Full PDB file with SEQRES, HELIX, SHEET, SSBOND, CRYST1, ORIGX, SCALE, CONECT and MASTER records, all heavy atoms in Angstrom:
SEQRES   1 A   42  SER VAL ASP VAL LEU ALA MET PHE LEU SER ILE ILE LYS          
SEQRES   2 A   42  VAL VAL ILE VAL PRO ILE ALA LEU GLY PHE VAL ILE ASN          
SEQRES   3 A   42  HIS PHE PHE GLY LYS PHE THR THR LYS VAL LYS GLU ALA          
SEQRES   4 A   42  LEU PRO LEU                                                  
HELIX    1 AA1 VAL A    4  ILE A   11  1                                   8    
HELIX    2 AA2 ILE A   12  ILE A   16  3                                   5    
HELIX    3 AA3 VAL A   17  PHE A   28  1                                  12    
HELIX    4 AA4 GLY A   30  VAL A   36  1                                   7    
HELIX    5 AA5 LYS A   37  ALA A   39  5                                   3    
CRYST1    1.000    1.000    1.000  90.00  90.00  90.00 P 1           1          
ORIGX1      1.000000  0.000000  0.000000        0.00000                         
ORIGX2      0.000000  1.000000  0.000000        0.00000                         
ORIGX3      0.000000  0.000000  1.000000        0.00000                         
SCALE1      1.000000  0.000000  0.000000        0.00000                         
SCALE2      0.000000  1.000000  0.000000        0.00000                         
SCALE3      0.000000  0.000000  1.000000        0.00000                         
ATOM      1  N   SER A   1     -26.370   3.986 -12.341  1.00  0.00           N  
ATOM      2  CA  SER A   1     -25.276   4.026 -13.125  1.00  0.00           C  
ATOM      3  C   SER A   1     -24.001   4.060 -12.341  1.00  0.00           C  
ATOM      4  O   SER A   1     -23.814   4.885 -11.443  1.00  0.00           O  
ATOM      5  CB  SER A   1     -25.377   5.263 -14.143  1.00  0.00           C  
ATOM      6  OG  SER A   1     -24.206   5.282 -14.870  1.00  0.00           O  
ATOM      7  N   VAL A   2     -22.997   3.202 -12.669  1.00  0.00           N  
ATOM      8  CA  VAL A   2     -21.783   3.153 -11.898  1.00  0.00           C  
ATOM      9  C   VAL A   2     -20.691   3.411 -12.852  1.00  0.00           C  
ATOM     10  O   VAL A   2     -20.540   2.737 -13.966  1.00  0.00           O  
ATOM     11  CB  VAL A   2     -21.560   1.870 -11.199  1.00  0.00           C  
ATOM     12  CG1 VAL A   2     -20.219   1.886 -10.328  1.00  0.00           C  
ATOM     13  CG2 VAL A   2     -22.809   1.528 -10.170  1.00  0.00           C  
ATOM     14  N   ASP A   3     -19.754   4.355 -12.519  1.00  0.00           N  
ATOM     15  CA  ASP A   3     -18.610   4.623 -13.315  1.00  0.00           C  
ATOM     16  C   ASP A   3     -17.531   3.504 -13.174  1.00  0.00           C  
ATOM     17  O   ASP A   3     -16.775   3.589 -12.240  1.00  0.00           O  
ATOM     18  CB  ASP A   3     -18.034   6.003 -12.958  1.00  0.00           C  
ATOM     19  CG  ASP A   3     -17.040   6.523 -13.982  1.00  0.00           C  
ATOM     20  OD1 ASP A   3     -16.337   5.643 -14.698  1.00  0.00           O  
ATOM     21  OD2 ASP A   3     -16.785   7.718 -14.155  1.00  0.00           O  
ATOM     22  N   VAL A   4     -17.553   2.610 -14.186  1.00  0.00           N  
ATOM     23  CA  VAL A   4     -16.546   1.490 -14.072  1.00  0.00           C  
ATOM     24  C   VAL A   4     -15.187   1.940 -13.943  1.00  0.00           C  
ATOM     25  O   VAL A   4     -14.378   1.445 -13.110  1.00  0.00           O  
ATOM     26  CB  VAL A   4     -16.820   0.508 -15.280  1.00  0.00           C  
ATOM     27  CG1 VAL A   4     -15.875  -0.689 -15.085  1.00  0.00           C  
ATOM     28  CG2 VAL A   4     -18.256   0.021 -15.361  1.00  0.00           C  
ATOM     29  N   LEU A   5     -14.749   2.732 -14.875  1.00  0.00           N  
ATOM     30  CA  LEU A   5     -13.365   3.179 -14.888  1.00  0.00           C  
ATOM     31  C   LEU A   5     -12.856   3.980 -13.705  1.00  0.00           C  
ATOM     32  O   LEU A   5     -11.804   3.619 -13.114  1.00  0.00           O  
ATOM     33  CB  LEU A   5     -13.162   4.086 -16.106  1.00  0.00           C  
ATOM     34  CG  LEU A   5     -11.741   4.620 -16.323  1.00  0.00           C  
ATOM     35  CD1 LEU A   5     -10.643   3.412 -16.576  1.00  0.00           C  
ATOM     36  CD2 LEU A   5     -11.656   5.583 -17.456  1.00  0.00           C  
ATOM     37  N   ALA A   6     -13.825   4.828 -13.145  1.00  0.00           N  
ATOM     38  CA  ALA A   6     -13.482   5.594 -11.938  1.00  0.00           C  
ATOM     39  C   ALA A   6     -13.312   4.608 -10.763  1.00  0.00           C  
ATOM     40  O   ALA A   6     -12.433   4.827  -9.954  1.00  0.00           O  
ATOM     41  CB  ALA A   6     -14.564   6.561 -11.676  1.00  0.00           C  
ATOM     42  N   MET A   7     -14.177   3.624 -10.578  1.00  0.00           N  
ATOM     43  CA  MET A   7     -14.063   2.655  -9.518  1.00  0.00           C  
ATOM     44  C   MET A   7     -12.744   1.851  -9.611  1.00  0.00           C  
ATOM     45  O   MET A   7     -12.056   1.643  -8.677  1.00  0.00           O  
ATOM     46  CB  MET A   7     -15.260   1.640  -9.510  1.00  0.00           C  
ATOM     47  CG  MET A   7     -16.477   2.478  -8.969  1.00  0.00           C  
ATOM     48  SD  MET A   7     -17.822   1.155  -8.773  1.00  0.00           S  
ATOM     49  CE  MET A   7     -17.223   0.116  -7.409  1.00  0.00           C  
ATOM     50  N   PHE A   8     -12.497   1.478 -10.889  1.00  0.00           N  
ATOM     51  CA  PHE A   8     -11.239   0.653 -11.102  1.00  0.00           C  
ATOM     52  C   PHE A   8      -9.996   1.399 -10.720  1.00  0.00           C  
ATOM     53  O   PHE A   8      -9.123   0.958 -10.066  1.00  0.00           O  
ATOM     54  CB  PHE A   8     -11.243   0.097 -12.554  1.00  0.00           C  
ATOM     55  CG  PHE A   8      -9.967  -0.616 -12.846  1.00  0.00           C  
ATOM     56  CD1 PHE A   8      -9.855  -1.974 -12.530  1.00  0.00           C  
ATOM     57  CD2 PHE A   8      -8.873  -0.087 -13.570  1.00  0.00           C  
ATOM     58  CE1 PHE A   8      -8.719  -2.723 -12.798  1.00  0.00           C  
ATOM     59  CE2 PHE A   8      -7.791  -0.775 -13.921  1.00  0.00           C  
ATOM     60  CZ  PHE A   8      -7.689  -2.129 -13.454  1.00  0.00           C  
ATOM     61  N   LEU A   9      -9.942   2.645 -11.186  1.00  0.00           N  
ATOM     62  CA  LEU A   9      -8.763   3.607 -10.968  1.00  0.00           C  
ATOM     63  C   LEU A   9      -8.613   3.863  -9.447  1.00  0.00           C  
ATOM     64  O   LEU A   9      -7.558   3.919  -8.898  1.00  0.00           O  
ATOM     65  CB  LEU A   9      -8.921   4.792 -11.704  1.00  0.00           C  
ATOM     66  CG  LEU A   9      -8.668   4.735 -13.244  1.00  0.00           C  
ATOM     67  CD1 LEU A   9      -8.913   6.011 -13.903  1.00  0.00           C  
ATOM     68  CD2 LEU A   9      -7.445   4.117 -13.595  1.00  0.00           C  
ATOM     69  N   SER A  10      -9.820   3.991  -8.771  1.00  0.00           N  
ATOM     70  CA  SER A  10      -9.925   4.264  -7.321  1.00  0.00           C  
ATOM     71  C   SER A  10      -9.144   3.112  -6.441  1.00  0.00           C  
ATOM     72  O   SER A  10      -8.375   3.307  -5.590  1.00  0.00           O  
ATOM     73  CB  SER A  10     -11.225   4.502  -6.800  1.00  0.00           C  
ATOM     74  OG  SER A  10     -11.243   4.832  -5.461  1.00  0.00           O  
ATOM     75  N   ILE A  11      -9.642   1.918  -6.778  1.00  0.00           N  
ATOM     76  CA  ILE A  11      -9.066   0.658  -6.064  1.00  0.00           C  
ATOM     77  C   ILE A  11      -7.654   0.590  -6.293  1.00  0.00           C  
ATOM     78  O   ILE A  11      -6.864   0.149  -5.453  1.00  0.00           O  
ATOM     79  CB  ILE A  11      -9.843  -0.561  -6.436  1.00  0.00           C  
ATOM     80  CG1 ILE A  11      -9.554  -1.708  -5.491  1.00  0.00           C  
ATOM     81  CG2 ILE A  11      -9.609  -1.029  -7.840  1.00  0.00           C  
ATOM     82  CD1 ILE A  11      -9.987  -1.397  -4.040  1.00  0.00           C  
ATOM     83  N   ILE A  12      -7.155   0.872  -7.546  1.00  0.00           N  
ATOM     84  CA  ILE A  12      -5.771   0.768  -7.947  1.00  0.00           C  
ATOM     85  C   ILE A  12      -5.024   1.762  -7.162  1.00  0.00           C  
ATOM     86  O   ILE A  12      -3.944   1.498  -6.501  1.00  0.00           O  
ATOM     87  CB  ILE A  12      -5.453   1.017  -9.452  1.00  0.00           C  
ATOM     88  CG1 ILE A  12      -6.052  -0.207 -10.238  1.00  0.00           C  
ATOM     89  CG2 ILE A  12      -4.024   0.975  -9.688  1.00  0.00           C  
ATOM     90  CD1 ILE A  12      -5.530  -1.567  -9.989  1.00  0.00           C  
ATOM     91  N   LYS A  13      -5.570   3.028  -7.124  1.00  0.00           N  
ATOM     92  CA  LYS A  13      -4.752   4.225  -6.553  1.00  0.00           C  
ATOM     93  C   LYS A  13      -4.690   4.058  -5.001  1.00  0.00           C  
ATOM     94  O   LYS A  13      -3.717   4.256  -4.317  1.00  0.00           O  
ATOM     95  CB  LYS A  13      -5.367   5.484  -6.922  1.00  0.00           C  
ATOM     96  CG  LYS A  13      -4.697   6.755  -6.342  1.00  0.00           C  
ATOM     97  CD  LYS A  13      -5.387   7.995  -6.876  1.00  0.00           C  
ATOM     98  CE  LYS A  13      -6.712   8.178  -6.183  1.00  0.00           C  
ATOM     99  NZ  LYS A  13      -7.440   9.565  -6.523  1.00  0.00           N  
ATOM    100  N   VAL A  14      -5.840   3.774  -4.311  1.00  0.00           N  
ATOM    101  CA  VAL A  14      -6.065   3.833  -2.929  1.00  0.00           C  
ATOM    102  C   VAL A  14      -5.477   2.556  -2.231  1.00  0.00           C  
ATOM    103  O   VAL A  14      -4.991   2.580  -1.178  1.00  0.00           O  
ATOM    104  CB  VAL A  14      -7.464   4.155  -2.482  1.00  0.00           C  
ATOM    105  CG1 VAL A  14      -7.609   4.183  -0.995  1.00  0.00           C  
ATOM    106  CG2 VAL A  14      -7.953   5.476  -3.166  1.00  0.00           C  
ATOM    107  N   VAL A  15      -5.728   1.452  -2.856  1.00  0.00           N  
ATOM    108  CA  VAL A  15      -5.383   0.220  -2.240  1.00  0.00           C  
ATOM    109  C   VAL A  15      -4.072  -0.553  -2.783  1.00  0.00           C  
ATOM    110  O   VAL A  15      -3.237  -0.819  -2.088  1.00  0.00           O  
ATOM    111  CB  VAL A  15      -6.670  -0.803  -2.262  1.00  0.00           C  
ATOM    112  CG1 VAL A  15      -6.376  -2.127  -1.640  1.00  0.00           C  
ATOM    113  CG2 VAL A  15      -7.800  -0.249  -1.697  1.00  0.00           C  
ATOM    114  N   ILE A  16      -4.183  -0.789  -4.113  1.00  0.00           N  
ATOM    115  CA  ILE A  16      -3.212  -1.740  -4.641  1.00  0.00           C  
ATOM    116  C   ILE A  16      -1.821  -1.031  -4.720  1.00  0.00           C  
ATOM    117  O   ILE A  16      -0.846  -1.654  -4.185  1.00  0.00           O  
ATOM    118  CB  ILE A  16      -3.613  -2.103  -6.148  1.00  0.00           C  
ATOM    119  CG1 ILE A  16      -4.955  -2.816  -6.094  1.00  0.00           C  
ATOM    120  CG2 ILE A  16      -2.539  -2.996  -6.736  1.00  0.00           C  
ATOM    121  CD1 ILE A  16      -5.047  -4.088  -5.204  1.00  0.00           C  
ATOM    122  N   VAL A  17      -1.667   0.184  -5.143  1.00  0.00           N  
ATOM    123  CA  VAL A  17      -0.469   0.835  -5.361  1.00  0.00           C  
ATOM    124  C   VAL A  17       0.321   0.942  -3.953  1.00  0.00           C  
ATOM    125  O   VAL A  17       1.415   0.628  -3.838  1.00  0.00           O  
ATOM    126  CB  VAL A  17      -0.549   2.045  -6.077  1.00  0.00           C  
ATOM    127  CG1 VAL A  17       0.852   2.942  -6.084  1.00  0.00           C  
ATOM    128  CG2 VAL A  17      -0.830   1.861  -7.557  1.00  0.00           C  
ATOM    129  N   PRO A  18      -0.431   1.544  -2.854  1.00  0.00           N  
ATOM    130  CA  PRO A  18       0.223   1.837  -1.715  1.00  0.00           C  
ATOM    131  C   PRO A  18       0.692   0.453  -1.034  1.00  0.00           C  
ATOM    132  O   PRO A  18       1.765   0.422  -0.342  1.00  0.00           O  
ATOM    133  CB  PRO A  18      -0.815   2.392  -0.840  1.00  0.00           C  
ATOM    134  CG  PRO A  18      -1.653   3.139  -1.854  1.00  0.00           C  
ATOM    135  CD  PRO A  18      -1.748   2.219  -2.993  1.00  0.00           C  
ATOM    136  N   ILE A  19      -0.203  -0.496  -1.061  1.00  0.00           N  
ATOM    137  CA  ILE A  19       0.200  -1.860  -0.485  1.00  0.00           C  
ATOM    138  C   ILE A  19       1.390  -2.420  -1.219  1.00  0.00           C  
ATOM    139  O   ILE A  19       2.268  -2.991  -0.599  1.00  0.00           O  
ATOM    140  CB  ILE A  19      -1.025  -2.710  -0.386  1.00  0.00           C  
ATOM    141  CG1 ILE A  19      -1.961  -2.333   0.681  1.00  0.00           C  
ATOM    142  CG2 ILE A  19      -0.572  -4.261  -0.232  1.00  0.00           C  
ATOM    143  CD1 ILE A  19      -3.223  -3.167   0.757  1.00  0.00           C  
ATOM    144  N   ALA A  20       1.389  -2.386  -2.493  1.00  0.00           N  
ATOM    145  CA  ALA A  20       2.444  -2.833  -3.305  1.00  0.00           C  
ATOM    146  C   ALA A  20       3.779  -2.242  -3.036  1.00  0.00           C  
ATOM    147  O   ALA A  20       4.824  -2.946  -2.918  1.00  0.00           O  
ATOM    148  CB  ALA A  20       2.056  -2.795  -4.857  1.00  0.00           C  
ATOM    149  N   LEU A  21       3.727  -0.921  -2.839  1.00  0.00           N  
ATOM    150  CA  LEU A  21       4.932  -0.143  -2.501  1.00  0.00           C  
ATOM    151  C   LEU A  21       5.500  -0.616  -1.172  1.00  0.00           C  
ATOM    152  O   LEU A  21       6.697  -0.783  -1.062  1.00  0.00           O  
ATOM    153  CB  LEU A  21       4.570   1.342  -2.588  1.00  0.00           C  
ATOM    154  CG  LEU A  21       5.733   2.324  -2.350  1.00  0.00           C  
ATOM    155  CD1 LEU A  21       6.763   2.067  -3.407  1.00  0.00           C  
ATOM    156  CD2 LEU A  21       5.188   3.745  -2.375  1.00  0.00           C  
ATOM    157  N   GLY A  22       4.535  -0.752  -0.188  1.00  0.00           N  
ATOM    158  CA  GLY A  22       5.027  -1.050   1.146  1.00  0.00           C  
ATOM    159  C   GLY A  22       5.484  -2.563   1.097  1.00  0.00           C  
ATOM    160  O   GLY A  22       6.471  -2.838   1.848  1.00  0.00           O  
ATOM    161  N   PHE A  23       4.922  -3.399   0.436  1.00  0.00           N  
ATOM    162  CA  PHE A  23       5.266  -4.774   0.179  1.00  0.00           C  
ATOM    163  C   PHE A  23       6.601  -4.868  -0.326  1.00  0.00           C  
ATOM    164  O   PHE A  23       7.580  -5.633   0.189  1.00  0.00           O  
ATOM    165  CB  PHE A  23       4.207  -5.405  -0.750  1.00  0.00           C  
ATOM    166  CG  PHE A  23       4.635  -6.869  -1.084  1.00  0.00           C  
ATOM    167  CD1 PHE A  23       4.330  -8.000  -0.117  1.00  0.00           C  
ATOM    168  CD2 PHE A  23       5.163  -7.285  -2.274  1.00  0.00           C  
ATOM    169  CE1 PHE A  23       4.573  -9.251  -0.475  1.00  0.00           C  
ATOM    170  CE2 PHE A  23       5.551  -8.530  -2.548  1.00  0.00           C  
ATOM    171  CZ  PHE A  23       5.307  -9.559  -1.683  1.00  0.00           C  
ATOM    172  N   VAL A  24       7.023  -4.049  -1.346  1.00  0.00           N  
ATOM    173  CA  VAL A  24       8.363  -4.086  -2.053  1.00  0.00           C  
ATOM    174  C   VAL A  24       9.384  -3.539  -1.188  1.00  0.00           C  
ATOM    175  O   VAL A  24      10.485  -4.129  -1.012  1.00  0.00           O  
ATOM    176  CB  VAL A  24       8.311  -3.284  -3.301  1.00  0.00           C  
ATOM    177  CG1 VAL A  24       9.696  -3.075  -3.867  1.00  0.00           C  
ATOM    178  CG2 VAL A  24       7.420  -3.932  -4.371  1.00  0.00           C  
ATOM    179  N   ILE A  25       9.072  -2.378  -0.418  1.00  0.00           N  
ATOM    180  CA  ILE A  25      10.028  -1.880   0.540  1.00  0.00           C  
ATOM    181  C   ILE A  25      10.333  -2.831   1.752  1.00  0.00           C  
ATOM    182  O   ILE A  25      11.448  -3.035   2.157  1.00  0.00           O  
ATOM    183  CB  ILE A  25       9.551  -0.527   1.078  1.00  0.00           C  
ATOM    184  CG1 ILE A  25       9.586   0.507  -0.007  1.00  0.00           C  
ATOM    185  CG2 ILE A  25      10.385  -0.105   2.255  1.00  0.00           C  
ATOM    186  CD1 ILE A  25       8.981   1.800   0.284  1.00  0.00           C  
ATOM    187  N   ASN A  26       9.262  -3.521   2.206  1.00  0.00           N  
ATOM    188  CA  ASN A  26       9.449  -4.539   3.186  1.00  0.00           C  
ATOM    189  C   ASN A  26      10.347  -5.719   2.778  1.00  0.00           C  
ATOM    190  O   ASN A  26      11.179  -6.204   3.541  1.00  0.00           O  
ATOM    191  CB  ASN A  26       8.059  -5.071   3.672  1.00  0.00           C  
ATOM    192  CG  ASN A  26       8.189  -5.935   4.975  1.00  0.00           C  
ATOM    193  OD1 ASN A  26       8.935  -5.707   5.794  1.00  0.00           O  
ATOM    194  ND2 ASN A  26       7.426  -7.043   4.870  1.00  0.00           N  
ATOM    195  N   HIS A  27      10.212  -6.070   1.542  1.00  0.00           N  
ATOM    196  CA  HIS A  27      10.895  -7.185   0.986  1.00  0.00           C  
ATOM    197  C   HIS A  27      12.367  -6.832   0.898  1.00  0.00           C  
ATOM    198  O   HIS A  27      13.250  -7.784   1.198  1.00  0.00           O  
ATOM    199  CB  HIS A  27      10.357  -7.530  -0.365  1.00  0.00           C  
ATOM    200  CG  HIS A  27      11.081  -8.770  -0.987  1.00  0.00           C  
ATOM    201  ND1 HIS A  27      10.918  -9.997  -0.517  1.00  0.00           N  
ATOM    202  CD2 HIS A  27      11.974  -8.803  -2.166  1.00  0.00           C  
ATOM    203  CE1 HIS A  27      11.695 -10.818  -1.290  1.00  0.00           C  
ATOM    204  NE2 HIS A  27      12.191 -10.107  -2.300  1.00  0.00           N  
ATOM    205  N   PHE A  28      12.839  -5.666   0.453  1.00  0.00           N  
ATOM    206  CA  PHE A  28      14.185  -5.298   0.187  1.00  0.00           C  
ATOM    207  C   PHE A  28      14.896  -4.566   1.417  1.00  0.00           C  
ATOM    208  O   PHE A  28      16.083  -4.568   1.445  1.00  0.00           O  
ATOM    209  CB  PHE A  28      14.285  -4.499  -1.006  1.00  0.00           C  
ATOM    210  CG  PHE A  28      14.028  -5.124  -2.280  1.00  0.00           C  
ATOM    211  CD1 PHE A  28      12.794  -4.968  -2.974  1.00  0.00           C  
ATOM    212  CD2 PHE A  28      15.032  -6.077  -2.913  1.00  0.00           C  
ATOM    213  CE1 PHE A  28      12.567  -5.644  -4.207  1.00  0.00           C  
ATOM    214  CE2 PHE A  28      14.647  -6.715  -4.046  1.00  0.00           C  
ATOM    215  CZ  PHE A  28      13.427  -6.448  -4.674  1.00  0.00           C  
ATOM    216  N   PHE A  29      13.992  -4.051   2.212  1.00  0.00           N  
ATOM    217  CA  PHE A  29      14.559  -3.305   3.445  1.00  0.00           C  
ATOM    218  C   PHE A  29      13.943  -3.773   4.740  1.00  0.00           C  
ATOM    219  O   PHE A  29      13.471  -3.020   5.552  1.00  0.00           O  
ATOM    220  CB  PHE A  29      14.376  -1.768   3.229  1.00  0.00           C  
ATOM    221  CG  PHE A  29      14.985  -1.240   1.997  1.00  0.00           C  
ATOM    222  CD1 PHE A  29      14.134  -1.051   0.860  1.00  0.00           C  
ATOM    223  CD2 PHE A  29      16.312  -0.882   1.898  1.00  0.00           C  
ATOM    224  CE1 PHE A  29      14.657  -0.515  -0.300  1.00  0.00           C  
ATOM    225  CE2 PHE A  29      16.806  -0.494   0.670  1.00  0.00           C  
ATOM    226  CZ  PHE A  29      16.071  -0.252  -0.378  1.00  0.00           C  
ATOM    227  N   GLY A  30      13.879  -5.071   4.866  1.00  0.00           N  
ATOM    228  CA  GLY A  30      13.213  -5.742   6.062  1.00  0.00           C  
ATOM    229  C   GLY A  30      13.693  -5.250   7.456  1.00  0.00           C  
ATOM    230  O   GLY A  30      12.797  -5.020   8.326  1.00  0.00           O  
ATOM    231  N   LYS A  31      14.963  -5.054   7.586  1.00  0.00           N  
ATOM    232  CA  LYS A  31      15.545  -4.608   8.955  1.00  0.00           C  
ATOM    233  C   LYS A  31      15.024  -3.188   9.204  1.00  0.00           C  
ATOM    234  O   LYS A  31      14.797  -2.914  10.404  1.00  0.00           O  
ATOM    235  CB  LYS A  31      17.019  -4.548   8.771  1.00  0.00           C  
ATOM    236  CG  LYS A  31      17.656  -5.990   8.713  1.00  0.00           C  
ATOM    237  CD  LYS A  31      19.193  -5.941   8.716  1.00  0.00           C  
ATOM    238  CE  LYS A  31      19.812  -7.335   8.683  1.00  0.00           C  
ATOM    239  NZ  LYS A  31      21.346  -7.285   8.620  1.00  0.00           N  
ATOM    240  N   PHE A  32      14.956  -2.314   8.256  1.00  0.00           N  
ATOM    241  CA  PHE A  32      14.457  -0.948   8.484  1.00  0.00           C  
ATOM    242  C   PHE A  32      12.995  -1.021   8.822  1.00  0.00           C  
ATOM    243  O   PHE A  32      12.512  -0.328   9.781  1.00  0.00           O  
ATOM    244  CB  PHE A  32      14.697  -0.113   7.288  1.00  0.00           C  
ATOM    245  CG  PHE A  32      14.035   1.230   7.262  1.00  0.00           C  
ATOM    246  CD1 PHE A  32      14.529   2.201   8.205  1.00  0.00           C  
ATOM    247  CD2 PHE A  32      12.898   1.472   6.550  1.00  0.00           C  
ATOM    248  CE1 PHE A  32      13.905   3.505   8.179  1.00  0.00           C  
ATOM    249  CE2 PHE A  32      12.228   2.735   6.690  1.00  0.00           C  
ATOM    250  CZ  PHE A  32      12.718   3.673   7.449  1.00  0.00           C  
ATOM    251  N   THR A  33      12.168  -1.778   8.091  1.00  0.00           N  
ATOM    252  CA  THR A  33      10.712  -1.735   8.248  1.00  0.00           C  
ATOM    253  C   THR A  33      10.280  -2.337   9.637  1.00  0.00           C  
ATOM    254  O   THR A  33       9.307  -2.101  10.118  1.00  0.00           O  
ATOM    255  CB  THR A  33      10.001  -2.535   7.146  1.00  0.00           C  
ATOM    256  OG1 THR A  33      10.532  -3.785   7.038  1.00  0.00           O  
ATOM    257  CG2 THR A  33      10.241  -1.765   5.775  1.00  0.00           C  
ATOM    258  N   THR A  34      11.093  -3.242  10.044  1.00  0.00           N  
ATOM    259  CA  THR A  34      10.870  -3.858  11.446  1.00  0.00           C  
ATOM    260  C   THR A  34      10.714  -2.721  12.507  1.00  0.00           C  
ATOM    261  O   THR A  34       9.853  -2.938  13.395  1.00  0.00           O  
ATOM    262  CB  THR A  34      12.124  -4.829  11.812  1.00  0.00           C  
ATOM    263  OG1 THR A  34      12.098  -5.914  10.830  1.00  0.00           O  
ATOM    264  CG2 THR A  34      11.761  -5.440  13.098  1.00  0.00           C  
ATOM    265  N   LYS A  35      11.574  -1.713  12.457  1.00  0.00           N  
ATOM    266  CA  LYS A  35      11.518  -0.692  13.475  1.00  0.00           C  
ATOM    267  C   LYS A  35      10.240   0.192  13.154  1.00  0.00           C  
ATOM    268  O   LYS A  35       9.591   0.686  14.095  1.00  0.00           O  
ATOM    269  CB  LYS A  35      12.737   0.138  13.414  1.00  0.00           C  
ATOM    270  CG  LYS A  35      14.000  -0.635  13.759  1.00  0.00           C  
ATOM    271  CD  LYS A  35      15.276   0.086  13.732  1.00  0.00           C  
ATOM    272  CE  LYS A  35      16.496  -0.601  13.966  1.00  0.00           C  
ATOM    273  NZ  LYS A  35      17.755   0.264  13.899  1.00  0.00           N  
ATOM    274  N   VAL A  36      10.001   0.443  11.801  1.00  0.00           N  
ATOM    275  CA  VAL A  36       8.866   1.345  11.502  1.00  0.00           C  
ATOM    276  C   VAL A  36       7.543   0.768  11.887  1.00  0.00           C  
ATOM    277  O   VAL A  36       6.628   1.394  12.199  1.00  0.00           O  
ATOM    278  CB  VAL A  36       8.919   1.644  10.038  1.00  0.00           C  
ATOM    279  CG1 VAL A  36       7.706   2.386   9.627  1.00  0.00           C  
ATOM    280  CG2 VAL A  36      10.242   2.287   9.563  1.00  0.00           C  
ATOM    281  N   LYS A  37       7.427  -0.608  11.865  1.00  0.00           N  
ATOM    282  CA  LYS A  37       6.202  -1.255  12.100  1.00  0.00           C  
ATOM    283  C   LYS A  37       5.631  -0.992  13.490  1.00  0.00           C  
ATOM    284  O   LYS A  37       4.399  -1.000  13.733  1.00  0.00           O  
ATOM    285  CB  LYS A  37       6.340  -2.727  11.976  1.00  0.00           C  
ATOM    286  CG  LYS A  37       6.578  -3.285  10.575  1.00  0.00           C  
ATOM    287  CD  LYS A  37       6.790  -4.720  10.499  1.00  0.00           C  
ATOM    288  CE  LYS A  37       7.144  -5.187   9.085  1.00  0.00           C  
ATOM    289  NZ  LYS A  37       7.495  -6.664   9.083  1.00  0.00           N  
ATOM    290  N   GLU A  38       6.465  -0.596  14.361  1.00  0.00           N  
ATOM    291  CA  GLU A  38       6.021  -0.230  15.861  1.00  0.00           C  
ATOM    292  C   GLU A  38       5.131   0.961  15.848  1.00  0.00           C  
ATOM    293  O   GLU A  38       4.251   1.053  16.738  1.00  0.00           O  
ATOM    294  CB  GLU A  38       7.224  -0.061  16.770  1.00  0.00           C  
ATOM    295  CG  GLU A  38       8.154  -1.340  16.897  1.00  0.00           C  
ATOM    296  CD  GLU A  38       9.222  -1.065  17.806  1.00  0.00           C  
ATOM    297  OE1 GLU A  38       9.452   0.154  18.216  1.00  0.00           O  
ATOM    298  OE2 GLU A  38      10.100  -1.980  18.254  1.00  0.00           O  
ATOM    299  N   ALA A  39       5.264   1.835  14.871  1.00  0.00           N  
ATOM    300  CA  ALA A  39       4.493   3.037  14.812  1.00  0.00           C  
ATOM    301  C   ALA A  39       3.184   2.929  13.998  1.00  0.00           C  
ATOM    302  O   ALA A  39       2.353   3.804  14.026  1.00  0.00           O  
ATOM    303  CB  ALA A  39       5.289   4.163  14.296  1.00  0.00           C  
ATOM    304  N   LEU A  40       3.015   1.885  13.374  1.00  0.00           N  
ATOM    305  CA  LEU A  40       1.877   1.643  12.418  1.00  0.00           C  
ATOM    306  C   LEU A  40       0.513   1.730  13.021  1.00  0.00           C  
ATOM    307  O   LEU A  40      -0.396   2.429  12.593  1.00  0.00           O  
ATOM    308  CB  LEU A  40       2.020   0.372  11.629  1.00  0.00           C  
ATOM    309  CG  LEU A  40       3.239   0.311  10.640  1.00  0.00           C  
ATOM    310  CD1 LEU A  40       3.223  -0.978   9.813  1.00  0.00           C  
ATOM    311  CD2 LEU A  40       3.269   1.443   9.705  1.00  0.00           C  
ATOM    312  N   PRO A  41       0.334   1.050  14.278  1.00  0.00           N  
ATOM    313  CA  PRO A  41      -1.043   1.278  14.966  1.00  0.00           C  
ATOM    314  C   PRO A  41      -1.314   2.655  15.207  1.00  0.00           C  
ATOM    315  O   PRO A  41      -2.453   3.019  15.026  1.00  0.00           O  
ATOM    316  CB  PRO A  41      -0.861   0.354  16.187  1.00  0.00           C  
ATOM    317  CG  PRO A  41       0.223  -0.655  15.818  1.00  0.00           C  
ATOM    318  CD  PRO A  41       1.214   0.114  14.969  1.00  0.00           C  
ATOM    319  N   LEU A  42      -0.346   3.496  15.635  1.00  0.00           N  
ATOM    320  CA  LEU A  42      -0.534   4.836  15.944  1.00  0.00           C  
ATOM    321  C   LEU A  42      -0.976   5.598  14.674  1.00  0.00           C  
ATOM    322  O   LEU A  42      -1.879   6.380  14.658  1.00  0.00           O  
ATOM    323  CB  LEU A  42       0.776   5.394  16.476  1.00  0.00           C  
ATOM    324  CG  LEU A  42       0.712   7.002  16.745  1.00  0.00           C  
ATOM    325  CD1 LEU A  42      -0.285   7.295  17.765  1.00  0.00           C  
ATOM    326  CD2 LEU A  42       2.232   7.406  17.200  1.00  0.00           C  
TER     327      LEU A  42                                                      
MASTER        0    0    0    5    0    0    0    6  326    1    0    4          
END                                                                             
C-alpha cells in the first residue's frame, strides 16, 4: 500500500516548490544569483 497523497505532497514540497522559487529568483535577480552560484557546489 502506497500513500498517494503523501507522495504527491512530498514531491511538491521537497522538489517542485524549492526549484520553482530558485528559478523565479534567478529570473528576476540574475545579477545577484550569478555571484551566489559560486557557493552552490559547497
